[in-house]
Protein backbone atom coordinates (compact mmCIF):
# COMPACT_ATOMS: atom_id res chain seq x y z
CA UNK A 1 -17.29 -1.11 17.38
CA UNK A 2 -14.23 -2.06 15.19
CA UNK A 3 -15.54 -3.51 11.95
CA UNK A 4 -13.29 -5.79 10.00
CA UNK A 5 -14.16 -6.22 6.24
CA UNK A 6 -12.43 -8.52 3.81
CA UNK A 7 -13.11 -7.66 0.17
CA UNK A 8 -12.88 -10.63 -2.22
CA UNK A 9 -13.78 -11.20 -5.85
CA UNK A 10 -13.46 -14.33 -8.07
CA UNK A 11 -12.27 -12.74 -11.26
CA UNK A 12 -8.68 -12.03 -10.44
CA UNK A 13 -6.61 -11.48 -13.51
CA UNK A 14 -3.19 -12.63 -12.50
CA UNK A 15 -4.15 -15.81 -10.78
CA UNK A 16 -7.45 -17.54 -11.80
CA UNK A 17 -10.01 -18.13 -8.97
CA UNK A 18 -7.40 -17.14 -6.49
CA UNK A 19 -9.60 -16.85 -3.40
CA UNK A 20 -10.71 -20.44 -3.73
CA UNK A 21 -7.20 -21.89 -4.33
CA UNK A 22 -6.42 -24.31 -1.41
CA UNK A 23 -3.44 -24.31 0.87
CA UNK A 24 -3.22 -26.83 3.62
CA UNK A 25 -6.76 -28.04 2.85
CA UNK A 26 -8.48 -24.58 3.06
CA UNK A 27 -9.23 -21.90 0.43
CA UNK A 28 -7.05 -18.75 0.65
CA UNK A 29 -10.03 -16.54 1.62
CA UNK A 30 -10.95 -18.88 4.51
CA UNK A 31 -7.30 -18.79 5.76
CA UNK A 32 -7.56 -14.99 5.58
CA UNK A 33 -10.84 -14.89 7.45
CA UNK A 34 -9.86 -17.35 10.25
CA UNK A 35 -6.64 -15.54 10.91
CA UNK A 36 -8.22 -12.10 10.97
CA UNK A 37 -10.75 -13.62 13.42
CA UNK A 38 -7.83 -14.30 15.82
CA UNK A 39 -7.49 -10.49 16.20
CA UNK A 40 -8.13 -9.22 19.80
CA UNK A 41 -9.47 -5.92 18.69
CA UNK A 42 -11.91 -6.67 15.86
CA UNK A 43 -15.55 -6.86 17.08
CA UNK A 44 -17.26 -7.98 13.84
CA UNK A 45 -15.61 -9.64 10.81
CA UNK A 46 -17.25 -10.09 7.36
CA UNK A 47 -16.09 -11.19 3.92
CA UNK A 48 -17.55 -8.91 1.36
CA UNK A 49 -17.83 -10.56 -2.06
CA UNK A 50 -19.73 -10.51 -5.31
CA UNK A 51 -19.30 -14.30 -5.72
CA UNK A 52 -21.79 -16.81 -4.33
CA UNK A 53 -18.96 -19.42 -4.52
CA UNK A 54 -16.82 -17.37 -2.22
CA UNK A 55 -19.72 -16.72 0.07
CA UNK A 56 -20.44 -20.46 0.16
CA UNK A 57 -16.74 -21.41 0.91
CA UNK A 58 -16.53 -18.98 3.85
CA UNK A 59 -19.82 -20.02 5.32
CA UNK A 60 -18.99 -23.69 4.95
CA UNK A 61 -15.97 -23.06 7.27
CA UNK A 62 -17.95 -21.14 9.83
CA UNK A 63 -17.26 -17.65 8.58
CA UNK A 64 -19.55 -14.63 7.79
CA UNK A 65 -19.85 -13.38 4.14
CA UNK A 66 -22.17 -10.92 2.53
CA UNK A 67 -22.76 -10.49 -1.20
CA UNK A 68 -22.11 -7.11 -2.78
CA UNK A 69 -22.88 -5.59 -6.23
CA UNK A 70 -20.50 -6.46 -8.96
CA UNK A 71 -20.04 -2.92 -10.17
CA UNK A 72 -17.32 -1.97 -7.78
CA UNK A 73 -13.98 -0.82 -9.19
CA UNK A 74 -12.02 -1.89 -6.24
CA UNK A 75 -12.07 -3.41 -2.72
CA UNK A 76 -12.48 -0.14 -0.96
CA UNK A 77 -15.73 0.48 -2.86
CA UNK A 78 -16.78 -2.98 -2.09
CA UNK A 79 -16.37 -2.83 1.65
CA UNK A 80 -18.03 0.56 1.77
CA UNK A 81 -21.32 -1.08 0.60
CA UNK A 82 -21.23 -3.19 3.61
CA UNK A 83 -19.82 -0.71 6.11
CA UNK A 84 -22.81 1.56 5.55
CA UNK A 85 -24.95 -1.09 7.25
CA UNK A 86 -23.02 -0.71 10.60
CA UNK A 87 -22.12 1.99 13.13
CA UNK A 88 -18.40 1.58 13.61
CA UNK A 89 -15.58 3.75 15.09
CA UNK A 90 -12.97 2.19 12.69
CA UNK A 91 -13.42 0.15 9.49
CA UNK A 92 -10.44 -2.28 8.95
CA UNK A 93 -9.99 -3.29 5.36
CA UNK A 94 -8.23 -6.68 5.27
CA UNK A 95 -7.22 -7.95 1.78
CA UNK A 96 -8.45 -11.39 1.05
CA UNK A 97 -5.24 -12.64 -0.66
CA UNK A 98 -3.07 -12.85 2.50
CA UNK A 99 -3.37 -16.45 3.66
CA UNK A 100 -0.38 -15.93 6.01
CA UNK A 101 -1.93 -12.81 7.66
CA UNK A 102 -0.71 -12.11 11.14
CA UNK A 103 -3.59 -11.19 13.34
CA UNK A 104 -1.23 -9.25 15.69
CA UNK A 105 -0.59 -6.74 12.77
CA UNK A 106 -4.26 -6.00 12.67
CA UNK A 107 -4.26 -5.04 16.32
CA UNK A 108 -1.21 -2.95 15.84
CA UNK A 109 -2.88 -0.94 13.03
CA UNK A 110 -6.01 -0.33 15.18
CA UNK A 111 -3.79 0.75 18.15
CA UNK A 112 -1.85 3.15 15.90
CA UNK A 113 -4.95 4.72 14.43
CA UNK A 114 -6.48 5.15 17.85
CA UNK A 115 -3.38 6.99 19.00
CA UNK A 116 -3.31 9.08 15.81
CA UNK A 117 -6.89 10.12 15.07
CA UNK A 118 -5.70 13.09 13.02
CA UNK A 119 -5.13 10.54 10.09
CA UNK A 120 -8.13 9.72 7.91
CA UNK A 121 -6.52 6.39 6.92
CA UNK A 122 -3.79 4.26 8.21
CA UNK A 123 -1.70 1.65 6.51
CA UNK A 124 1.39 -0.11 7.89
CA UNK A 125 4.61 -0.84 5.83
CA UNK A 126 7.22 -3.41 5.82
CA UNK A 127 10.82 -2.83 5.11
CA UNK A 128 12.27 -4.78 2.20
CA UNK A 129 15.18 -4.66 -0.34
CA UNK A 130 13.71 -5.88 -3.58
CA UNK A 131 11.82 -2.97 -4.95
CA UNK A 132 11.65 -3.97 -8.69
CA UNK A 133 8.48 -6.11 -8.53
CA UNK A 134 5.70 -4.06 -9.94
CA UNK A 135 3.10 -6.30 -8.09
CA UNK A 136 4.42 -4.73 -4.77
CA UNK A 137 3.22 -1.31 -3.95
CA UNK A 138 6.02 0.94 -2.53
CA UNK A 139 5.32 3.71 0.10
CA UNK A 140 7.13 6.99 0.77
CA UNK A 141 6.32 8.94 3.89
CA UNK A 142 7.79 11.92 5.83
CA UNK A 143 9.10 12.18 9.43
CA UNK A 144 5.48 12.77 10.73
CA UNK A 145 4.46 9.34 9.41
CA UNK A 146 2.29 10.86 6.67
CA UNK A 147 2.26 9.00 3.34
CA UNK A 148 3.39 11.16 0.56
CA UNK A 149 3.00 8.75 -2.38
CA UNK A 150 2.44 5.19 -3.28
CA UNK A 151 3.83 3.50 -6.49
CA UNK A 152 4.56 0.33 -8.28
CA UNK A 153 7.79 1.91 -9.47
CA UNK A 154 10.91 2.02 -7.28
CA UNK A 155 10.55 4.91 -4.93
CA UNK A 156 12.50 6.65 -3.74
CA UNK A 157 14.58 6.49 -6.91
CA UNK A 158 18.40 6.10 -6.23
CA UNK A 159 19.61 8.95 -8.34
CA UNK A 160 22.32 10.16 -5.93
CA UNK A 161 22.29 7.46 -3.29
CA UNK A 162 20.68 4.04 -2.80
CA UNK A 163 18.19 3.84 0.12
CA UNK A 164 19.12 1.59 3.01
CA UNK A 165 15.68 -0.02 2.55
CA UNK A 166 12.28 0.44 0.81
CA UNK A 167 8.87 0.21 2.28
CA UNK A 168 6.05 -1.90 0.93
CA UNK A 169 2.41 -1.60 1.48
CA UNK A 170 1.04 -4.21 4.00
CA UNK A 171 -2.52 -5.23 3.05
CA UNK A 172 -4.29 -4.00 6.23
CA UNK A 173 -5.84 -0.54 6.01
CA UNK A 174 -7.77 1.31 8.75
CA UNK A 175 -10.39 3.87 7.69
CA UNK A 176 -12.32 6.35 9.66
CA UNK A 177 -15.90 5.66 8.51
CA UNK A 178 -16.29 9.26 7.32
CA UNK A 179 -13.03 8.91 5.26
CA UNK A 180 -14.28 5.76 3.68
CA UNK A 181 -17.62 7.35 2.80
CA UNK A 182 -15.69 10.32 1.31
CA UNK A 183 -13.37 8.16 -0.72
CA UNK A 184 -16.24 6.39 -2.35
CA UNK A 185 -17.89 9.73 -3.28
CA UNK A 186 -14.77 10.65 -5.40
CA UNK A 187 -14.47 9.52 -8.92
CA UNK A 188 -11.58 7.19 -9.90
CA UNK A 189 -8.59 9.58 -9.95
CA UNK A 190 -5.96 10.37 -12.54
CA UNK A 191 -3.04 8.66 -10.71
CA UNK A 192 -5.23 5.81 -9.55
CA UNK A 193 -6.00 5.03 -13.18
CA UNK A 194 -2.26 5.13 -14.18
CA UNK A 195 -0.82 3.13 -11.25
CA UNK A 196 -3.72 0.86 -10.50
CA UNK A 197 -3.35 1.82 -6.78
CA UNK A 198 -6.69 2.58 -5.16
CA UNK A 199 -5.38 4.69 -2.28
CA UNK A 200 -3.88 7.22 -4.64
CA UNK A 201 -7.57 8.46 -4.95
CA UNK A 202 -7.42 9.27 -1.24
CA UNK A 203 -4.10 11.25 -1.61
CA UNK A 204 -5.33 13.04 -4.74
CA UNK A 205 -8.27 14.24 -2.79
CA UNK A 206 -6.42 15.34 0.19
CA UNK A 207 -7.34 12.55 2.62
CA UNK A 208 -4.48 12.01 5.03
CA UNK A 209 -2.84 8.68 5.21
CA UNK A 210 -0.63 7.73 8.23
CA UNK A 211 1.76 4.89 8.34
CA UNK A 212 4.21 3.08 10.61
CA UNK A 213 6.57 0.17 10.17
CA UNK A 214 6.02 -3.50 11.03
CA UNK A 215 8.56 -6.27 11.17
CA UNK A 216 7.24 -9.23 9.28
CA UNK A 217 7.73 -11.76 6.42
CA UNK A 218 4.13 -11.81 5.32
CA UNK A 219 3.16 -11.44 1.65
CA UNK A 220 0.01 -11.39 -0.50
CA UNK A 221 -0.68 -14.08 -3.17
CA UNK A 222 -0.79 -12.07 -6.41
CA UNK A 223 0.87 -14.61 -8.88
CA UNK A 224 1.49 -18.28 -9.18
CA UNK A 225 5.02 -17.93 -7.64
CA UNK A 226 3.39 -16.36 -4.54
CA UNK A 227 0.97 -19.24 -4.33
CA UNK A 228 3.79 -21.84 -4.38
CA UNK A 229 5.75 -19.81 -1.90
CA UNK A 230 2.66 -19.68 0.47
CA UNK A 231 2.21 -23.46 0.29
CA UNK A 232 5.84 -23.77 1.46
CA UNK A 233 5.51 -21.25 4.15
CA UNK A 234 2.63 -22.93 5.84
CA UNK A 235 4.85 -25.83 6.71
CA UNK A 236 6.39 -23.53 9.38
CA UNK A 237 3.34 -21.35 10.15
CA UNK A 238 2.77 -20.56 13.76
CA UNK A 239 -0.90 -19.71 13.51
CA UNK A 240 -2.28 -22.67 11.57
CA UNK A 241 -2.90 -24.80 14.60
CA UNK A 242 -4.93 -22.06 16.17
CA UNK A 243 -7.84 -22.55 13.73
């Protein structure tokens, strides 16, 4: 079974009550659920939240949402609480702040991880040319598609030559269930605390992360400018009529 889990919390710091903000008459978290549900490869999909308001919104629109404890430090810890209740071959972490999520991307991540089972974790990247935004996590990998580092800083740094492009983290992550369990056994790591990037805990504890590039213009809603951009983007969205 391929298990899709969407972590979502109400107390977002940068954009108040972000999951419940509406775009095109639906809350952001509901858009994310309904679009993820269009994936051809996910067998079961659940929103994992510590908020009864989020749970209510998802259920009102026909989705599945389970309550978690409030103590979790990040979304990975939150989905692990629910993942332990199921027997899955892969656990797909789908961030709840991507109302323009492309379901085909989920399927590509699953396909890549199945073909590359030596990786504990897989995350896709998007090529882009504006690396100065600290809200965007940048990814550096080697020729074997192994992630070397993730940062909010501009990496690689153009000391001798400017890169032709940068890679940003796309908010779909595939875990082997054993890797997800291991991750949550480790304490919050040194670099994770500094950068505020939860997958640095995996790298610091020698879990292997694979990556591949996807062509897309999707983005997460982190700040008000993203929210306004998403409202505009929905006017031309190709998936909205599918749900």
